[in-house]
Structure formats: C-alpha cells, structure tokens
PDB file of N, CA and C in Angstrom:
ATOM      1  N   MET A   1      20.505  17.510 -21.015  1.00  0.00           N
ATOM      2  CA  MET A   1      20.399  17.828 -19.638  1.00  0.00           C
ATOM      3  C   MET A   1      21.138  17.803 -18.808  1.00  0.00           C
ATOM      4  N   PRO A   2      22.503  18.295 -17.959  1.00  0.00           N
ATOM      5  CA  PRO A   2      23.165  17.690 -16.901  1.00  0.00           C
ATOM      6  C   PRO A   2      22.448  17.260 -15.992  1.00  0.00           C
ATOM      7  N   ASP A   3      23.215  15.932 -15.188  1.00  0.00           N
ATOM      8  CA  ASP A   3      22.287  15.552 -14.094  1.00  0.00           C
ATOM      9  C   ASP A   3      22.191  16.577 -12.844  1.00  0.00           C
ATOM     10  N   GLU A   4      20.930  16.650 -12.137  1.00  0.00           N
ATOM     11  CA  GLU A   4      20.715  17.177 -10.936  1.00  0.00           C
ATOM     12  C   GLU A   4      21.715  17.010  -9.658  1.00  0.00           C
ATOM     13  N   ILE A   5      21.576  18.078  -9.390  1.00  0.00           N
ATOM     14  CA  ILE A   5      22.489  18.115  -8.259  1.00  0.00           C
ATOM     15  C   ILE A   5      21.797  17.540  -6.890  1.00  0.00           C
ATOM     16  N   GLU A   6      22.231  16.034  -6.879  1.00  0.00           N
ATOM     17  CA  GLU A   6      21.514  15.000  -5.542  1.00  0.00           C
ATOM     18  C   GLU A   6      21.892  15.811  -4.118  1.00  0.00           C
ATOM     19  N   ILE A   7      22.691  16.579  -3.764  1.00  0.00           N
ATOM     20  CA  ILE A   7      23.164  16.731  -2.768  1.00  0.00           C
ATOM     21  C   ILE A   7      22.163  18.131  -2.512  1.00  0.00           C
ATOM     22  N   ASN A   8      21.585  18.853  -3.068  1.00  0.00           N
ATOM     23  CA  ASN A   8      20.869  19.872  -2.693  1.00  0.00           C
ATOM     24  C   ASN A   8      19.356  19.081  -1.833  1.00  0.00           C
ATOM     25  N   SER A   9      19.388  17.845  -1.993  1.00  0.00           N
ATOM     26  CA  SER A   9      18.162  16.930  -1.525  1.00  0.00           C
ATOM     27  C   SER A   9      18.794  15.951  -0.368  1.00  0.00           C
ATOM     28  N   PRO A  10      18.129  15.485   0.631  1.00  0.00           N
ATOM     29  CA  PRO A  10      18.530  14.220   1.655  1.00  0.00           C
ATOM     30  C   PRO A  10      18.984  12.982   0.814  1.00  0.00           C
ATOM     31  N   PRO A  11      19.754  12.211   1.177  1.00  0.00           N
ATOM     32  CA  PRO A  11      20.081  11.362   0.373  1.00  0.00           C
ATOM     33  C   PRO A  11      18.862  10.078   0.222  1.00  0.00           C
ATOM     34  N   THR A  12      18.822   9.481  -0.901  1.00  0.00           N
ATOM     35  CA  THR A  12      17.856   8.857  -1.059  1.00  0.00           C
ATOM     36  C   THR A  12      17.898   7.568  -0.060  1.00  0.00           C
ATOM     37  N   PHE A  13      18.687   6.551   0.091  1.00  0.00           N
ATOM     38  CA  PHE A  13      19.170   5.701   0.980  1.00  0.00           C
ATOM     39  C   PHE A  13      20.094   6.178   2.842  1.00  0.00           C
ATOM     40  N   GLU A  14      19.350   5.457   3.232  1.00  0.00           N
ATOM     41  CA  GLU A  14      19.965   5.355   4.554  1.00  0.00           C
ATOM     42  C   GLU A  14      21.230   4.515   5.234  1.00  0.00           C
ATOM     43  N   ILE A  15      21.775   4.827   6.164  1.00  0.00           N
ATOM     44  CA  ILE A  15      22.763   3.985   6.432  1.00  0.00           C
ATOM     45  C   ILE A  15      22.158   2.724   6.966  1.00  0.00           C
ATOM     46  N   GLY A  16      22.679   1.359   6.470  1.00  0.00           N
ATOM     47  CA  GLY A  16      21.969   0.291   7.423  1.00  0.00           C
ATOM     48  C   GLY A  16      20.769  -0.346   6.297  1.00  0.00           C
ATOM     49  N   GLU A  17      20.647   0.219   5.200  1.00  0.00           N
ATOM     50  CA  GLU A  17      18.950  -0.104   4.718  1.00  0.00           C
ATOM     51  C   GLU A  17      19.850  -1.073   3.702  1.00  0.00           C
ATOM     52  N   LYS A  18      18.907  -1.900   2.974  1.00  0.00           N
ATOM     53  CA  LYS A  18      19.066  -3.105   2.337  1.00  0.00           C
ATOM     54  C   LYS A  18      18.717  -2.716   0.665  1.00  0.00           C
ATOM     55  N   VAL A  19      19.496  -3.041  -0.093  1.00  0.00           N
ATOM     56  CA  VAL A  19      19.529  -2.348  -1.277  1.00  0.00           C
ATOM     57  C   VAL A  19      19.544  -3.255  -2.540  1.00  0.00           C
ATOM     58  N   ARG A  20      19.503  -3.320  -3.555  1.00  0.00           N
ATOM     59  CA  ARG A  20      19.908  -4.155  -4.497  1.00  0.00           C
ATOM     60  C   ARG A  20      20.274  -3.438  -5.873  1.00  0.00           C
ATOM     61  N   LEU A  21      21.399  -3.918  -6.227  1.00  0.00           N
ATOM     62  CA  LEU A  21      22.215  -3.974  -7.413  1.00  0.00           C
ATOM     63  C   LEU A  21      21.191  -3.539  -8.751  1.00  0.00           C
ATOM     64  N   ARG A  22      20.706  -2.625  -9.611  1.00  0.00           N
ATOM     65  CA  ARG A  22      20.429  -2.298 -10.553  1.00  0.00           C
ATOM     66  C   ARG A  22      20.882  -2.552 -12.078  1.00  0.00           C
ATOM     67  N   LYS A  23      22.483  -2.571 -11.698  1.00  0.00           N
ATOM     68  CA  LYS A  23      23.429  -3.123 -12.599  1.00  0.00           C
ATOM     69  C   LYS A  23      24.618  -3.812 -12.846  1.00  0.00           C
ATOM     70  N   LEU A  24      25.443  -4.280 -13.354  1.00  0.00           N
ATOM     71  CA  LEU A  24      26.847  -5.096 -13.219  1.00  0.00           C
ATOM     72  C   LEU A  24      27.616  -3.970 -13.054  1.00  0.00           C
ATOM     73  N   VAL A  25      28.550  -4.216 -11.934  1.00  0.00           N
ATOM     74  CA  VAL A  25      29.530  -3.382 -11.526  1.00  0.00           C
ATOM     75  C   VAL A  25      30.936  -3.822 -11.349  1.00  0.00           C
ATOM     76  N   LYS A  26      31.578  -3.319 -12.627  1.00  0.00           N
ATOM     77  CA  LYS A  26      33.049  -3.576 -12.985  1.00  0.00           C
ATOM     78  C   LYS A  26      34.046  -2.628 -11.987  1.00  0.00           C
ATOM     79  N   ASN A  27      35.197  -3.107 -11.386  1.00  0.00           N
ATOM     80  CA  ASN A  27      36.284  -1.966 -11.366  1.00  0.00           C
ATOM     81  C   ASN A  27      36.646  -1.118 -12.229  1.00  0.00           C
ATOM     82  N   ASP A  28      36.541   0.320 -11.784  1.00  0.00           N
ATOM     83  CA  ASP A  28      36.826   1.361 -12.654  1.00  0.00           C
ATOM     84  C   ASP A  28      38.122   1.806 -12.230  1.00  0.00           C
ATOM     85  N   GLY A  29      38.974   1.169 -11.410  1.00  0.00           N
ATOM     86  CA  GLY A  29      40.508   1.596 -11.273  1.00  0.00           C
ATOM     87  C   GLY A  29      40.171   1.956  -9.790  1.00  0.00           C
ATOM     88  N   THR A  30      38.741   2.080  -8.780  1.00  0.00           N
ATOM     89  CA  THR A  30      38.816   3.139  -7.444  1.00  0.00           C
ATOM     90  C   THR A  30      38.965   1.684  -6.730  1.00  0.00           C
ATOM     91  N   PHE A  31      38.863   0.275  -6.542  1.00  0.00           N
ATOM     92  CA  PHE A  31      39.092  -0.554  -5.888  1.00  0.00           C
ATOM     93  C   PHE A  31      40.049  -1.762  -5.979  1.00  0.00           C
ATOM     94  N   PRO A  32      41.163  -0.914  -4.599  1.00  0.00           N
ATOM     95  CA  PRO A  32      41.853  -1.566  -4.596  1.00  0.00           C
ATOM     96  C   PRO A  32      42.234  -3.123  -4.496  1.00  0.00           C
ATOM     97  N   GLY A  33      43.167  -3.752  -5.166  1.00  0.00           N
ATOM     98  CA  GLY A  33      43.409  -5.098  -4.878  1.00  0.00           C
ATOM     99  C   GLY A  33      42.823  -5.612  -6.091  1.00  0.00           C
ATOM    100  N   LYS A  34      41.799  -4.991  -7.072  1.00  0.00           N
ATOM    101  CA  LYS A  34      41.592  -5.728  -8.066  1.00  0.00           C
ATOM    102  C   LYS A  34      41.711  -5.579  -9.389  1.00  0.00           C
ATOM    103  N   GLU A  35      42.136  -6.046 -10.525  1.00  0.00           N
ATOM    104  CA  GLU A  35      42.159  -5.258 -11.708  1.00  0.00           C
ATOM    105  C   GLU A  35      41.070  -4.446 -12.246  1.00  0.00           C
ATOM    106  N   ILE A  36      41.253  -3.580 -13.394  1.00  0.00           N
ATOM    107  CA  ILE A  36      40.511  -2.542 -13.863  1.00  0.00           C
ATOM    108  C   ILE A  36      39.543  -3.339 -14.844  1.00  0.00           C
ATOM    109  N   GLY A  37      38.463  -3.514 -14.758  1.00  0.00           N
ATOM    110  CA  GLY A  37      37.499  -4.406 -15.859  1.00  0.00           C
ATOM    111  C   GLY A  37      36.892  -5.418 -14.759  1.00  0.00           C
ATOM    112  N   VAL A  38      37.848  -5.913 -13.727  1.00  0.00           N
ATOM    113  CA  VAL A  38      37.140  -7.227 -12.856  1.00  0.00           C
ATOM    114  C   VAL A  38      35.443  -6.609 -12.496  1.00  0.00           C
ATOM    115  N   VAL A  39      34.851  -8.030 -12.932  1.00  0.00           N
ATOM    116  CA  VAL A  39      33.187  -8.178 -12.007  1.00  0.00           C
ATOM    117  C   VAL A  39      33.563  -7.518 -10.865  1.00  0.00           C
ATOM    118  N   LEU A  40      32.790  -6.529  -9.651  1.00  0.00           N
ATOM    119  CA  LEU A  40      32.952  -6.832  -8.299  1.00  0.00           C
ATOM    120  C   LEU A  40      31.437  -7.112  -7.838  1.00  0.00           C
ATOM    121  N   ALA A  41      30.240  -7.131  -8.691  1.00  0.00           N
ATOM    122  CA  ALA A  41      28.852  -7.354  -8.133  1.00  0.00           C
ATOM    123  C   ALA A  41      28.365  -7.331  -9.609  1.00  0.00           C
ATOM    124  N   LYS A  42      27.146  -8.353  -9.269  1.00  0.00           N
ATOM    125  CA  LYS A  42      26.323  -8.408 -10.311  1.00  0.00           C
ATOM    126  C   LYS A  42      24.848  -7.618 -10.000  1.00  0.00           C
ATOM    127  N   LYS A  43      24.029  -7.673 -11.267  1.00  0.00           N
ATOM    128  CA  LYS A  43      22.473  -7.192 -11.402  1.00  0.00           C
ATOM    129  C   LYS A  43      21.995  -7.885 -10.622  1.00  0.00           C
ATOM    130  N   GLY A  44      21.524  -7.241  -9.379  1.00  0.00           N
ATOM    131  CA  GLY A  44      20.657  -7.965  -8.502  1.00  0.00           C
ATOM    132  C   GLY A  44      21.336  -8.502  -7.140  1.00  0.00           C
ATOM    133  N   ASP A  45      22.276  -8.295  -7.381  1.00  0.00           N
ATOM    134  CA  ASP A  45      23.354  -8.505  -5.607  1.00  0.00           C
ATOM    135  C   ASP A  45      22.773  -7.589  -4.642  1.00  0.00           C
ATOM    136  N   ILE A  46      22.916  -8.256  -3.425  1.00  0.00           N
ATOM    137  CA  ILE A  46      22.046  -7.240  -2.480  1.00  0.00           C
ATOM    138  C   ILE A  46      23.012  -7.103  -1.686  1.00  0.00           C
ATOM    139  N   GLY A  47      22.802  -5.645  -0.562  1.00  0.00           N
ATOM    140  CA  GLY A  47      23.871  -5.289   0.025  1.00  0.00           C
ATOM    141  C   GLY A  47      23.306  -4.214   0.710  1.00  0.00           C
ATOM    142  N   TYR A  48      24.227  -4.152   1.942  1.00  0.00           N
ATOM    143  CA  TYR A  48      23.555  -2.801   3.263  1.00  0.00           C
ATOM    144  C   TYR A  48      24.314  -1.763   2.579  1.00  0.00           C
ATOM    145  N   VAL A  49      23.674  -0.328   2.959  1.00  0.00           N
ATOM    146  CA  VAL A  49      24.412   0.579   3.110  1.00  0.00           C
ATOM    147  C   VAL A  49      25.576   0.880   4.424  1.00  0.00           C
ATOM    148  N   ALA A  50      26.657   1.290   3.531  1.00  0.00           N
ATOM    149  CA  ALA A  50      27.576   1.238   5.338  1.00  0.00           C
ATOM    150  C   ALA A  50      27.641   2.602   5.527  1.00  0.00           C
ATOM    151  N   SER A  51      27.696   3.640   4.777  1.00  0.00           N
ATOM    152  CA  SER A  51      28.080   5.143   4.628  1.00  0.00           C
ATOM    153  C   SER A  51      27.811   6.050   3.558  1.00  0.00           C
ATOM    154  N   ILE A  52      27.892   6.746   3.662  1.00  0.00           N
ATOM    155  CA  ILE A  52      27.074   7.823   2.675  1.00  0.00           C
ATOM    156  C   ILE A  52      28.185   9.276   2.155  1.00  0.00           C
ATOM    157  N   GLY A  53      28.820   8.758   1.019  1.00  0.00           N
ATOM    158  CA  GLY A  53      29.899  10.195   0.793  1.00  0.00           C
ATOM    159  C   GLY A  53      29.099  11.366  -0.469  1.00  0.00           C
ATOM    160  N   THR A  54      30.012  12.048  -0.674  1.00  0.00           N
ATOM    161  CA  THR A  54      29.734  12.639  -1.744  1.00  0.00           C
ATOM    162  C   THR A  54      30.972  12.629  -2.900  1.00  0.00           C
ATOM    163  N   TYR A  55      30.436  13.147  -4.400  1.00  0.00           N
ATOM    164  CA  TYR A  55      31.509  13.027  -5.612  1.00  0.00           C
ATOM    165  C   TYR A  55      30.958  14.444  -6.335  1.00  0.00           C
ATOM    166  N   LEU A  56      32.195  15.063  -6.340  1.00  0.00           N
ATOM    167  CA  LEU A  56      32.218  16.063  -7.301  1.00  0.00           C
ATOM    168  C   LEU A  56      31.142  17.114  -6.888  1.00  0.00           C
ATOM    169  N   GLN A  57      30.757  17.157  -5.148  1.00  0.00           N
ATOM    170  CA  GLN A  57      29.954  18.140  -4.961  1.00  0.00           C
ATOM    171  C   GLN A  57      28.337  18.196  -5.498  1.00  0.00           C
ATOM    172  N   GLN A  58      28.169  16.737  -5.791  1.00  0.00           N
ATOM    173  CA  GLN A  58      27.143  16.766  -6.718  1.00  0.00           C
ATOM    174  C   GLN A  58      26.468  15.318  -6.556  1.00  0.00           C
ATOM    175  N   PHE A  59      26.894  14.332  -6.539  1.00  0.00           N
ATOM    176  CA  PHE A  59      26.401  13.149  -6.014  1.00  0.00           C
ATOM    177  C   PHE A  59      26.484  12.522  -5.162  1.00  0.00           C
ATOM    178  N   TYR A  60      25.811  11.752  -4.475  1.00  0.00           N
ATOM    179  CA  TYR A  60      25.842  11.171  -3.175  1.00  0.00           C
ATOM    180  C   TYR A  60      26.254   9.594  -3.359  1.00  0.00           C
ATOM    181  N   ILE A  61      27.258   9.041  -3.094  1.00  0.00           N
ATOM    182  CA  ILE A  61      28.157   7.727  -3.290  1.00  0.00           C
ATOM    183  C   ILE A  61      27.529   7.289  -1.735  1.00  0.00           C
ATOM    184  N   TYR A  62      27.045   5.786  -2.200  1.00  0.00           N
ATOM    185  CA  TYR A  62      26.791   4.752  -1.041  1.00  0.00           C
ATOM    186  C   TYR A  62      27.693   3.842  -1.085  1.00  0.00           C
ATOM    187  N   ALA A  63      28.300   3.809  -0.154  1.00  0.00           N
ATOM    188  CA  ALA A  63      29.688   2.448   0.104  1.00  0.00           C
ATOM    189  C   ALA A  63      28.578   1.771   0.585  1.00  0.00           C
ATOM    190  N   VAL A  64      28.215   0.444  -0.477  1.00  0.00           N
ATOM    191  CA  VAL A  64      27.473  -0.443  -0.540  1.00  0.00           C
ATOM    192  C   VAL A  64      28.282  -1.720   0.248  1.00  0.00           C
ATOM    193  N   HIS A  65      27.633  -2.696   1.039  1.00  0.00           N
ATOM    194  CA  HIS A  65      28.753  -3.820   1.867  1.00  0.00           C
ATOM    195  C   HIS A  65      27.682  -4.831   1.668  1.00  0.00           C
ATOM    196  N   PHE A  66      28.365  -5.487   0.278  1.00  0.00           N
ATOM    197  CA  PHE A  66      27.740  -6.575   0.037  1.00  0.00           C
ATOM    198  C   PHE A  66      28.479  -8.104   0.456  1.00  0.00           C
ATOM    199  N   LEU A  67      27.557  -8.688   1.364  1.00  0.00           N
ATOM    200  CA  LEU A  67      27.875  -9.587   2.272  1.00  0.00           C
ATOM    201  C   LEU A  67      28.267 -10.923   1.895  1.00  0.00           C
ATOM    202  N   ASP A  68      28.097 -11.079   0.838  1.00  0.00           N
ATOM    203  CA  ASP A  68      28.355 -12.803  -0.235  1.00  0.00           C
ATOM    204  C   ASP A  68      29.720 -12.644  -0.873  1.00  0.00           C
ATOM    205  N   THR A  69      30.517 -11.218  -0.755  1.00  0.00           N
ATOM    206  CA  THR A  69      32.050 -11.289  -1.081  1.00  0.00           C
ATOM    207  C   THR A  69      32.630 -10.951  -0.371  1.00  0.00           C
ATOM    208  N   GLY A  70      31.850  -9.808   0.554  1.00  0.00           N
ATOM    209  CA  GLY A  70      32.642  -8.860   1.438  1.00  0.00           C
ATOM    210  C   GLY A  70      33.228  -7.361   0.750  1.00  0.00           C
ATOM    211  N   TYR A  71      32.877  -7.331  -0.002  1.00  0.00           N
ATOM    212  CA  TYR A  71      33.300  -5.912  -0.843  1.00  0.00           C
ATOM    213  C   TYR A  71      32.620  -5.036  -0.336  1.00  0.00           C
ATOM    214  N   VAL A  72      32.988  -3.856  -0.152  1.00  0.00           N
ATOM    215  CA  VAL A  72      32.196  -2.465   0.106  1.00  0.00           C
ATOM    216  C   VAL A  72      32.561  -1.648  -1.469  1.00  0.00           C
ATOM    217  N   ILE A  73      31.158  -1.481  -1.656  1.00  0.00           N
ATOM    218  CA  ILE A  73      31.376  -0.756  -3.100  1.00  0.00           C
ATOM    219  C   ILE A  73      31.134   0.685  -3.658  1.00  0.00           C
ATOM    220  N   GLY A  74      31.562   1.435  -3.842  1.00  0.00           N
ATOM    221  CA  GLY A  74      30.598   2.870  -4.091  1.00  0.00           C
ATOM    222  C   GLY A  74      29.813   3.045  -5.506  1.00  0.00           C
ATOM    223  N   CYS A  75      28.247   3.356  -4.866  1.00  0.00           N
ATOM    224  CA  CYS A  75      27.633   2.962  -5.747  1.00  0.00           C
ATOM    225  C   CYS A  75      26.399   4.484  -5.948  1.00  0.00           C
ATOM    226  N   ARG A  76      26.534   5.210  -7.039  1.00  0.00           N
ATOM    227  CA  ARG A  76      25.374   6.047  -7.377  1.00  0.00           C
ATOM    228  C   ARG A  76      23.807   5.671  -7.308  1.00  0.00           C
ATOM    229  N   LYS A  77      23.093   6.818  -7.099  1.00  0.00           N
ATOM    230  CA  LYS A  77      21.670   6.487  -6.398  1.00  0.00           C
ATOM    231  C   LYS A  77      20.633   5.567  -7.473  1.00  0.00           C
ATOM    232  N   LYS A  78      21.488   6.133  -8.630  1.00  0.00           N
ATOM    233  CA  LYS A  78      21.059   5.040 -10.344  1.00  0.00           C
ATOM    234  C   LYS A  78      20.971   4.205 -10.442  1.00  0.00           C
ATOM    235  N   GLU A  79      22.176   3.476  -9.547  1.00  0.00           N
ATOM    236  CA  GLU A  79      22.758   1.862  -9.612  1.00  0.00           C
ATOM    237  C   GLU A  79      21.658   1.021  -8.603  1.00  0.00           C
ATOM    238  N   LEU A  80      20.917   1.916  -7.649  1.00  0.00           N
ATOM    239  CA  LEU A  80      20.563   1.041  -6.375  1.00  0.00           C
ATOM    240  C   LEU A  80      19.173   0.866  -6.439  1.00  0.00           C
ATOM    241  N   GLU A  81      18.166   0.046  -5.686  1.00  0.00           N
ATOM    242  CA  GLU A  81      16.578   0.176  -5.625  1.00  0.00           C
ATOM    243  C   GLU A  81      16.761  -0.635  -4.188  1.00  0.00           C
ATOM    244  N   PHE A  82      15.855   0.260  -3.568  1.00  0.00           N
ATOM    245  CA  PHE A  82      15.976  -0.065  -1.948  1.00  0.00           C
ATOM    246  C   PHE A  82      15.217  -1.579  -2.172  1.00  0.00           C
ATOM    247  N   VAL A  83      15.346  -2.496  -1.249  1.00  0.00           N
ATOM    248  CA  VAL A  83      14.847  -3.563  -1.180  1.00  0.00           C
ATOM    249  C   VAL A  83      13.785  -3.630   0.436  1.00  0.00           C
ATOM    250  N   GLU A  84      12.610  -4.350  -0.155  1.00  0.00           N
ATOM    251  CA  GLU A  84      11.537  -4.188   1.367  1.00  0.00           C
ATOM    252  C   GLU A  84      11.970  -5.533   2.057  1.00  0.00           C
ATOM    253  N   GLU A  85      12.150  -4.552   3.346  1.00  0.00           N
ATOM    254  CA  GLU A  85      12.396  -5.983   3.721  1.00  0.00           C
ATOM    255  C   GLU A  85      11.092  -7.024   4.442  1.00  0.00           C
ATOM    256  N   SER A  86      11.421  -8.389   4.125  1.00  0.00           N
ATOM    257  CA  SER A  86      10.374  -9.226   4.607  1.00  0.00           C
ATOM    258  C   SER A  86      10.401  -9.513   5.703  1.00  0.00           C
ATOM    259  N   HIS A  87       8.910  -9.402   6.241  1.00  0.00           N
ATOM    260  CA  HIS A  87       8.175  -9.639   7.651  1.00  0.00           C
ATOM    261  C   HIS A  87       7.485 -10.882   7.592  1.00  0.00           C
ATOM    262  N   GLU A  88       8.714 -12.201   7.249  1.00  0.00           N
ATOM    263  CA  GLU A  88       8.380 -13.241   7.680  1.00  0.00           C
ATOM    264  C   GLU A  88       8.236 -13.839   8.900  1.00  0.00           C
ATOM    265  N   SER A  89       6.734 -14.502   9.374  1.00  0.00           N
ATOM    266  CA  SER A  89       6.810 -15.476  10.845  1.00  0.00           C
ATOM    267  C   SER A  89       7.544 -16.586  10.785  1.00  0.00           C
ATOM    268  N   ASN A  90       8.327 -16.274  11.878  1.00  0.00           N
ATOM    269  CA  ASN A  90       9.378 -17.668  11.894  1.00  0.00           C
ATOM    270  C   ASN A  90       8.548 -18.386  13.141  1.00  0.00           C
ATOM    271  N   ALA A  91       7.862 -17.988  13.569  1.00  0.00           N
ATOM    272  CA  ALA A  91       7.144 -18.991  14.712  1.00  0.00           C
ATOM    273  C   ALA A  91       6.076 -19.676  14.506  1.00  0.00           C
ATOM    274  N   THR A  92       5.658 -20.212  14.855  1.00  0.00           N
ATOM    275  CA  THR A  92       4.775 -21.716  14.545  1.00  0.00           C
ATOM    276  C   THR A  92       3.244 -20.908  15.525  1.00  0.00           C
ATOM    277  N   ASP A  93       2.021 -20.529  14.530  1.00  0.00           N
ATOM    278  CA  ASP A  93       0.953 -20.445  15.315  1.00  0.00           C
ATOM    279  C   ASP A  93       0.107 -21.595  16.140  1.00  0.00           C
ATOM    280  N   GLU A  94       0.611 -21.623  17.617  1.00  0.00           N
ATOM    281  CA  GLU A  94       0.035 -22.476  18.352  1.00  0.00           C
ATOM    282  C   GLU A  94      -0.967 -22.339  18.984  1.00  0.00           C
TER     283      GLU A  94
END
C-alpha cells in the first residue's frame, strides 16, 4: 500500500513544538558539509520544529533544530514524536 498523502491533512507538528527523534538519522546526501552516511542525530535526540515544507507534493518535511549540535535536519512525521513540556515548579512554596 502506498504512503498516505499527508498534505491532504494539516501538519502533525507545529513550528516551535518540541519533538524527539524515533530513529537514527544519517546524511543521505542532502545535508551540506558532511559526508554521506555520517550520523546527524541519534534516536532520542530532542529538537524543535523550525519550519515545515513538503516533499513530492505528498509528505510534510519538518525542519527540526537540534540545539545540542546546532543542526537543522529535515524529518518525516514517522521519524518524530511529540515531547510534552514538563511544567515543573521552579519556585519554592513558602
């Protein structure tokens, strides 16, 4: 069965959302300045959606900014999961 046409629905993630990688991402030749096959981000790495584009008039591509490396990597929906922000209290209850 072919992949669904994602762009018929709104994007799953929004700009500014915190996301986690669900798989290892290596350079497929689209990341400038790095050799093909070099690991760009690891499963579990956290980043923020910087922009949303489309690919082949079928899929959303989420440009995710990984703060630890500074890399902005294009990811598909299936490679990402939403990270819920923790609302920890940083003030003492006095």
